[in-house]
Protein backbone atom coordinates (compact mmCIF):
# COMPACT_ATOMS: atom_id res chain seq x y z
CA MET A 1 -17.48 -10.26 -7.51
CA ALA A 2 -14.80 -11.84 -9.70
CA THR A 3 -11.21 -11.42 -8.56
CA LEU A 4 -9.08 -8.60 -9.91
CA ARG A 5 -6.99 -11.16 -11.78
CA GLU A 6 -10.18 -12.20 -13.60
CA ARG A 7 -11.52 -8.68 -14.13
CA VAL A 8 -8.51 -6.56 -15.08
CA THR A 9 -6.89 -6.57 -18.49
CA ALA A 10 -3.18 -5.78 -18.33
CA PRO A 11 -0.24 -5.94 -20.75
CA ALA A 12 1.76 -9.14 -20.43
CA HIS A 13 4.91 -7.16 -21.20
CA LEU A 14 5.39 -3.45 -20.67
CA ASP A 15 8.12 -1.57 -22.51
CA LEU A 16 9.53 1.70 -21.26
CA PRO A 17 8.12 4.77 -23.00
CA THR A 18 9.66 5.47 -26.39
CA ALA A 19 11.82 8.56 -26.79
CA VAL A 20 9.99 11.85 -27.25
CA GLY A 21 10.68 15.57 -26.75
CA GLY A 22 14.42 15.02 -26.66
CA LEU A 23 14.13 12.58 -23.74
CA THR A 24 14.82 8.88 -23.41
CA PHE A 25 13.50 6.80 -20.53
CA ARG A 26 14.92 4.36 -18.01
CA PRO A 27 14.09 3.12 -14.50
CA ALA A 28 14.98 5.47 -11.67
CA THR A 29 17.63 4.73 -9.07
CA GLU A 30 18.29 6.14 -5.63
CA ALA A 31 20.99 8.31 -7.20
CA ASP A 32 18.26 10.10 -9.18
CA LEU A 33 16.47 11.37 -6.06
CA PRO A 34 18.06 14.86 -6.05
CA ALA A 35 17.27 15.35 -9.75
CA VAL A 36 13.72 14.06 -9.35
CA HIS A 37 13.24 16.42 -6.41
CA ASP A 38 14.49 19.31 -8.56
CA VAL A 39 11.88 18.49 -11.25
CA ALA A 40 9.16 18.32 -8.60
CA VAL A 41 10.13 21.67 -7.08
CA GLU A 42 10.24 23.41 -10.46
CA SER A 43 6.89 21.90 -11.40
CA ALA A 44 5.28 22.87 -8.10
CA ALA A 45 6.32 26.49 -8.61
CA VAL A 46 4.06 26.48 -11.68
CA ASP A 47 1.28 24.07 -10.68
CA ASP A 48 0.95 24.63 -6.92
CA PRO A 49 3.04 27.62 -5.81
CA GLN A 50 2.28 27.25 -2.09
CA THR A 51 3.95 23.84 -1.94
CA HIS A 52 7.58 22.80 -1.93
CA PRO A 53 8.10 19.02 -2.21
CA SER A 54 10.53 17.49 0.25
CA PRO A 55 13.35 15.13 -0.76
CA GLU A 56 12.16 12.86 2.03
CA ASP A 57 8.80 12.45 0.32
CA PHE A 58 10.45 10.74 -2.63
CA ALA A 59 12.66 8.61 -0.42
CA HIS A 60 9.53 7.41 1.39
CA ARG A 61 7.78 6.60 -1.85
CA LEU A 62 10.68 4.55 -3.13
CA SER A 63 10.80 2.65 0.17
CA THR A 64 7.09 1.76 0.12
CA ALA A 65 6.67 -1.92 0.92
CA GLY A 66 6.58 -3.95 -2.29
CA LEU A 67 7.71 -1.14 -4.62
CA ASP A 68 10.32 -2.25 -7.16
CA PRO A 69 12.16 0.80 -8.56
CA ALA A 70 13.28 -1.18 -11.60
CA ARG A 71 9.66 -1.85 -12.61
CA ASP A 72 7.67 0.88 -10.86
CA THR A 73 9.65 4.03 -11.72
CA VAL A 74 10.77 5.86 -14.85
CA VAL A 75 12.84 8.98 -15.44
CA GLY A 76 13.20 10.92 -18.68
CA THR A 77 16.73 12.13 -19.41
CA ASP A 78 18.26 14.35 -22.09
CA ALA A 79 21.37 13.53 -24.15
CA ASP A 80 23.58 14.68 -21.27
CA GLY A 81 21.81 12.45 -18.76
CA HIS A 82 19.93 15.24 -16.96
CA VAL A 83 16.52 14.25 -15.56
CA HIS A 84 13.56 16.32 -16.78
CA ALA A 85 10.60 14.02 -16.04
CA TYR A 86 9.72 11.19 -13.72
CA ALA A 87 6.89 8.76 -12.98
CA ILE A 88 6.22 6.47 -10.03
CA VAL A 89 3.60 3.71 -9.68
CA ILE A 90 2.78 2.84 -6.07
CA ALA A 91 0.65 -0.20 -5.33
CA VAL A 92 -0.76 0.47 -1.85
CA PRO A 93 0.61 -2.50 0.08
CA SER A 94 -2.38 -3.03 2.38
CA ARG A 95 -5.74 -4.05 0.91
CA ASP A 96 -8.48 -4.09 3.49
CA THR A 97 -11.47 -2.75 1.58
CA ALA A 98 -9.92 -2.00 -1.82
CA ALA A 99 -6.80 -2.44 -3.95
CA ARG A 100 -5.46 0.95 -4.99
CA VAL A 101 -2.56 1.97 -7.18
CA LEU A 102 -1.32 5.56 -6.93
CA LEU A 103 0.31 7.42 -9.81
CA ALA A 104 2.79 10.22 -9.19
CA GLY A 105 5.09 12.14 -11.46
CA SER A 106 5.82 15.35 -13.29
CA VAL A 107 7.46 16.88 -16.35
CA ARG A 108 9.71 19.91 -16.09
CA PRO A 109 7.69 22.88 -17.43
CA ALA A 110 10.14 23.57 -20.28
CA TYR A 111 9.58 20.02 -21.58
CA ARG A 112 5.79 20.06 -21.51
CA GLY A 113 3.57 20.07 -24.58
CA GLN A 114 5.75 17.59 -26.46
CA GLY A 115 4.04 14.34 -25.52
CA VAL A 116 6.31 13.45 -22.59
CA GLY A 117 3.47 13.39 -20.06
CA ARG A 118 1.29 11.29 -22.34
CA ARG A 119 4.00 8.68 -22.77
CA LEU A 120 4.62 8.54 -19.04
CA LEU A 121 0.96 8.26 -18.10
CA ALA A 122 0.37 5.54 -20.68
CA TRP A 123 3.23 3.59 -19.14
CA GLN A 124 1.94 4.23 -15.61
CA THR A 125 -1.58 3.04 -16.33
CA GLY A 126 -0.19 -0.09 -17.96
CA ARG A 127 2.00 -0.83 -14.95
CA ALA A 128 -0.88 -0.10 -12.56
CA ARG A 129 -3.05 -2.59 -14.41
CA GLN A 130 -0.29 -5.17 -14.09
CA HIS A 131 -0.29 -4.69 -10.33
CA LEU A 132 -4.06 -5.11 -10.07
CA ALA A 133 -4.23 -8.04 -12.49
CA ALA A 134 -1.79 -9.95 -10.30
CA LEU A 135 -4.18 -9.97 -7.32
CA ASP A 136 -6.46 -12.92 -6.55
CA VAL A 137 -8.81 -10.83 -4.39
CA ASP A 138 -12.46 -9.98 -4.93
CA LEU A 139 -12.08 -6.33 -3.93
CA PRO A 140 -12.75 -3.10 -5.79
CA GLY A 141 -9.68 -1.89 -7.65
CA ALA A 142 -8.72 1.66 -8.55
CA ILE A 143 -5.98 3.67 -10.21
CA ASP A 144 -5.67 7.12 -8.62
CA LEU A 145 -3.87 10.32 -9.60
CA THR A 146 -3.99 13.47 -7.45
CA ALA A 147 -2.95 16.90 -8.73
CA PRO A 148 -3.71 20.59 -8.13
CA GLN A 149 -7.03 21.81 -9.48
CA GLY A 150 -6.56 23.35 -12.95
CA SER A 151 -3.18 21.70 -13.55
CA SER A 152 -2.13 20.15 -16.83
CA ALA A 153 -1.83 16.80 -15.04
CA LEU A 154 -5.58 16.70 -14.46
CA ALA A 155 -6.31 17.53 -18.10
CA LEU A 156 -4.01 14.70 -19.12
CA ALA A 157 -5.61 12.31 -16.61
CA ALA A 158 -9.01 13.01 -18.14
CA ARG A 159 -7.69 11.90 -21.55
CA PHE A 160 -6.85 8.55 -19.98
CA GLY A 161 -10.30 8.09 -18.46
CA LEU A 162 -9.49 9.11 -14.88
CA GLU A 163 -12.46 11.04 -13.49
CA PRO A 164 -12.60 13.38 -10.47
CA VAL A 165 -13.74 11.53 -7.36
CA ARG A 166 -12.46 13.62 -4.45
CA TYR A 167 -11.50 17.20 -3.68
CA TRP A 168 -8.93 18.10 -1.02
CA VAL A 169 -8.83 21.60 0.48
CA ASP A 170 -5.64 23.18 1.80
CA MET A 171 -6.55 24.98 5.04
CA GLN A 172 -4.31 27.29 7.04
CA VAL A 173 -4.46 29.11 10.36
CA VAL A 174 -2.08 32.02 11.00
CA PHE A 175 -1.10 32.82 14.59
CA ASP A 176 -0.36 36.53 14.17
CA PRO A 177 -2.68 37.54 15.60
CA ALA A 178 -3.90 34.32 17.19
CA PRO A 179 -7.49 33.62 16.09
CA ALA A 180 -10.29 33.67 18.63
CA ARG A 181 -11.23 30.23 19.89
CA ASP A 182 -14.48 28.93 21.38
CA ALA A 183 -14.35 27.38 24.83
CA LEU A 184 -13.12 23.81 24.70
CA PRO A 185 -14.66 20.81 26.46
CA ALA A 186 -12.95 19.41 29.54
CA LEU A 187 -10.67 16.43 29.07
CA PRO A 188 -12.64 13.35 30.21
CA ASP A 189 -11.53 11.78 33.47
CA GLY A 190 -8.86 9.13 33.18
CA LEU A 191 -7.39 10.47 29.96
CA VAL A 192 -4.07 12.25 29.45
CA LEU A 193 -3.27 14.75 26.69
CA ARG A 194 0.49 15.07 26.11
CA PRO A 195 3.22 15.34 23.47
CA ALA A 196 3.84 12.25 21.35
CA THR A 197 7.06 10.27 21.83
CA LEU A 198 8.84 7.49 19.97
CA ASP A 199 7.29 5.04 22.42
CA ASP A 200 3.86 6.01 21.04
CA VAL A 201 4.63 5.31 17.37
CA GLU A 202 3.16 1.83 17.12
CA ARG A 203 0.08 2.68 19.18
CA MET A 204 -0.41 5.76 17.01
CA ARG A 205 -0.34 3.50 13.94
CA ILE A 206 -3.03 1.29 15.47
CA ALA A 207 -5.08 4.40 16.23
CA LYS A 208 -4.55 5.79 12.72
CA ASN A 209 -5.70 2.57 11.09
CA ASP A 210 -8.85 2.52 13.22
CA ALA A 211 -9.62 6.24 12.93
CA PHE A 212 -9.27 6.30 9.14
CA ARG A 213 -11.07 3.05 8.39
CA ASP A 214 -14.18 4.93 7.33
CA HIS A 215 -12.30 7.62 5.36
CA TRP A 216 -12.42 7.55 1.58
CA GLY A 217 -9.51 5.73 -0.04
CA SER A 218 -7.73 4.96 3.23
CA GLN A 219 -6.13 1.57 3.80
CA PRO A 220 -4.28 0.35 6.91
CA MET A 221 -0.73 1.63 7.24
CA LEU A 222 1.94 -1.06 7.54
CA ALA A 223 4.39 -0.76 10.42
CA PRO A 224 7.58 -0.19 8.34
CA ASP A 225 5.97 2.58 6.26
CA TRP A 226 4.43 4.26 9.31
CA HIS A 227 7.69 4.10 11.27
CA GLY A 228 9.51 5.61 8.30
CA TYR A 229 7.16 8.60 8.25
CA LEU A 230 7.19 9.19 11.99
CA THR A 231 10.97 9.04 12.30
CA ALA A 232 11.66 11.28 9.29
CA ARG A 233 13.63 14.46 9.85
CA LYS A 234 10.68 16.74 9.12
CA THR A 235 8.32 14.92 11.49
CA ARG A 236 7.94 16.84 14.75
CA LEU A 237 6.80 14.45 17.45
CA ASP A 238 7.54 17.19 19.98
CA LEU A 239 4.73 19.25 18.39
CA SER A 240 2.45 16.25 17.78
CA ARG A 241 -0.07 15.38 20.47
CA VAL A 242 -1.80 12.22 21.72
CA VAL A 243 -4.68 11.52 24.07
CA VAL A 244 -4.10 8.24 25.90
CA ASP A 245 -6.26 6.22 28.27
CA GLU A 246 -5.25 4.51 31.49
CA HIS A 247 -3.82 1.58 29.49
CA GLY A 248 -1.65 3.83 27.34
CA ASP A 249 -3.78 3.24 24.24
CA VAL A 250 -3.94 6.22 21.89
CA LEU A 251 -7.49 7.50 21.47
CA ALA A 252 -6.74 10.71 19.56
CA PHE A 253 -3.61 12.01 17.87
CA THR A 254 -1.99 14.48 15.54
CA VAL A 255 1.16 13.99 13.48
CA VAL A 256 2.97 17.26 12.77
CA GLU A 257 5.61 17.86 10.10
CA SER A 258 7.68 20.97 9.49
CA ASP A 259 10.05 21.43 6.57
CA PRO A 260 11.99 24.73 6.61
CA GLY A 261 12.66 24.25 2.91
CA ALA A 262 8.96 24.81 2.25
CA PHE A 263 8.61 28.05 4.24
CA SER A 264 9.37 30.40 1.35
CA ALA A 265 6.68 28.85 -0.87
CA ARG A 266 3.99 29.62 1.69
CA GLY A 267 5.55 32.92 2.68
CA ARG A 268 5.94 32.09 6.37
CA SER A 269 7.20 29.44 8.75
CA PHE A 270 4.57 26.77 9.31
CA ALA A 271 3.83 23.22 10.38
CA SER A 272 1.70 20.70 8.52
CA LEU A 273 -0.80 18.56 10.40
CA HIS A 274 -0.30 15.45 8.32
CA TRP A 275 -2.71 13.24 10.27
CA VAL A 276 -5.46 14.09 12.74
CA GLY A 277 -7.61 11.27 14.06
CA VAL A 278 -9.85 9.93 16.81
CA VAL A 279 -10.47 6.19 17.15
CA ARG A 280 -14.06 5.22 16.56
CA ARG A 281 -14.81 4.05 20.11
CA ALA A 282 -13.75 7.43 21.52
CA ARG A 283 -15.74 9.67 19.16
CA GLY A 284 -18.33 12.03 20.55
CA ARG A 285 -16.24 12.83 23.65
CA GLY A 286 -14.79 16.13 22.41
CA LEU A 287 -11.28 14.76 21.86
CA ALA A 288 -10.81 16.16 18.36
CA PRO A 289 -10.95 19.86 19.31
CA LEU A 290 -8.86 19.18 22.41
CA VAL A 291 -6.02 17.43 20.62
CA LEU A 292 -6.13 19.93 17.76
CA ALA A 293 -6.08 22.98 20.02
CA ALA A 294 -3.19 21.54 22.01
CA THR A 295 -1.30 20.91 18.78
CA LEU A 296 -1.88 24.44 17.50
CA ASP A 297 -0.69 25.86 20.83
CA ALA A 298 2.46 23.73 20.58
CA VAL A 299 3.12 24.87 17.01
CA ALA A 300 2.68 28.53 17.96
CA ASP A 301 4.78 28.16 21.13
CA GLY A 302 7.45 26.49 19.00
CA GLY A 303 7.93 29.74 17.10
CA LEU A 304 6.14 28.79 13.88
CA SER A 305 3.73 31.35 12.45
CA ALA A 306 1.06 29.09 10.95
CA ALA A 307 -0.33 25.58 10.68
CA ALA A 308 -1.73 23.95 7.56
CA LEU A 309 -3.52 20.74 6.63
CA ASP A 310 -5.38 19.09 3.77
CA VAL A 311 -8.95 17.97 4.35
CA ASP A 312 -11.36 15.93 2.30
CA SER A 313 -14.11 18.37 1.29
CA GLU A 314 -16.65 15.55 1.79
CA ASN A 315 -15.23 14.34 5.10
CA PRO A 316 -18.19 12.74 6.90
CA SER A 317 -16.90 13.60 10.38
CA GLY A 318 -17.51 17.34 10.01
CA ALA A 319 -13.77 18.04 10.06
CA VAL A 320 -14.04 21.14 7.87
CA ARG A 321 -16.39 22.84 10.34
CA LEU A 322 -14.11 21.93 13.25
CA TYR A 323 -11.06 23.38 11.53
CA GLU A 324 -12.96 26.56 10.69
CA ARG A 325 -13.93 26.97 14.36
CA LEU A 326 -10.24 26.77 15.25
CA GLY A 327 -9.39 29.55 12.80
CA PHE A 328 -8.42 27.62 9.65
CA VAL A 329 -9.22 29.27 6.31
CA ALA A 330 -9.70 27.33 3.08
CA GLY A 331 -7.28 27.83 0.21
CA ALA A 332 -6.08 25.86 -2.81
CA VAL A 333 -7.78 22.65 -3.92
CA SER A 334 -6.30 19.39 -5.17
CA VAL A 335 -8.30 16.74 -7.03
CA THR A 336 -8.05 12.97 -6.96
CA THR A 337 -9.00 11.42 -10.28
CA SER A 338 -9.60 7.70 -10.51
CA THR A 339 -10.44 4.75 -12.74
CA ALA A 340 -12.43 2.00 -11.03
CA LEU A 341 -11.66 -1.56 -12.06
């Protein structure tokens, strides 16, 4: 395979989008985070009413290793300087089996239908191609955009040649009343199941990278990005669980987040299981249902009324069936669209 530098055509120079719909465009700055969050929240109320984006999510994106806000972000502002649209281009910093560039952004609903989204996505795809064309690696390359099923973002992505490649199902279990649960296997001898702590963060990253190596689109998580997620305010290590062996190595884990600002969108207090994984050498020992059940018990005992997660509908590990056995019910669907390069 030729390298991405040899395969990918990219613009040598990329201008910001030209003015349209009463908006002009410039790179985003950290000072724009509250306004960008406001656009995302207003957009989610229309496109994906059960979600409520967190300000921390945008802070994490802007701190992704290698991201340059001056070149990888754009905001659209009106004559008074108010932000009504944004776009972010995230080159995934680790490239084990593929080089991926993720596109994120939104247009305030009142400013849609005027060509703003088209201008932003054209700029994003050009910038994504620049990222890929700079790589001297003979790996598959892809530009990915994920959005709620049926949203205008997916219709726009299709116009730019991004095709659906993966479907993600929002699943939720409500604890009132607590769902019936099948008998669980015994914890294998020599292993300990306990709450996660800050001392586990790096070993959890090693476990995550191993557990997700065979998951679609997943690349190894770098230490700074992982540490940023696991020390965020909404991350609940006290509700997260790990299974460790006699050496302290993490064999199975969950990472739980809870954002009170999102409770009203879902109509109840809840926790999100952001990551659930079992390292490959420990699979087949019944650790997944054990660590999941312990996590759900912790979430319920912590006074939250539900737990939610997103799962790949084609997950090869049978995760959907496991979640259903623990009482999860499928809900809304998001779609990842992609262009392979």
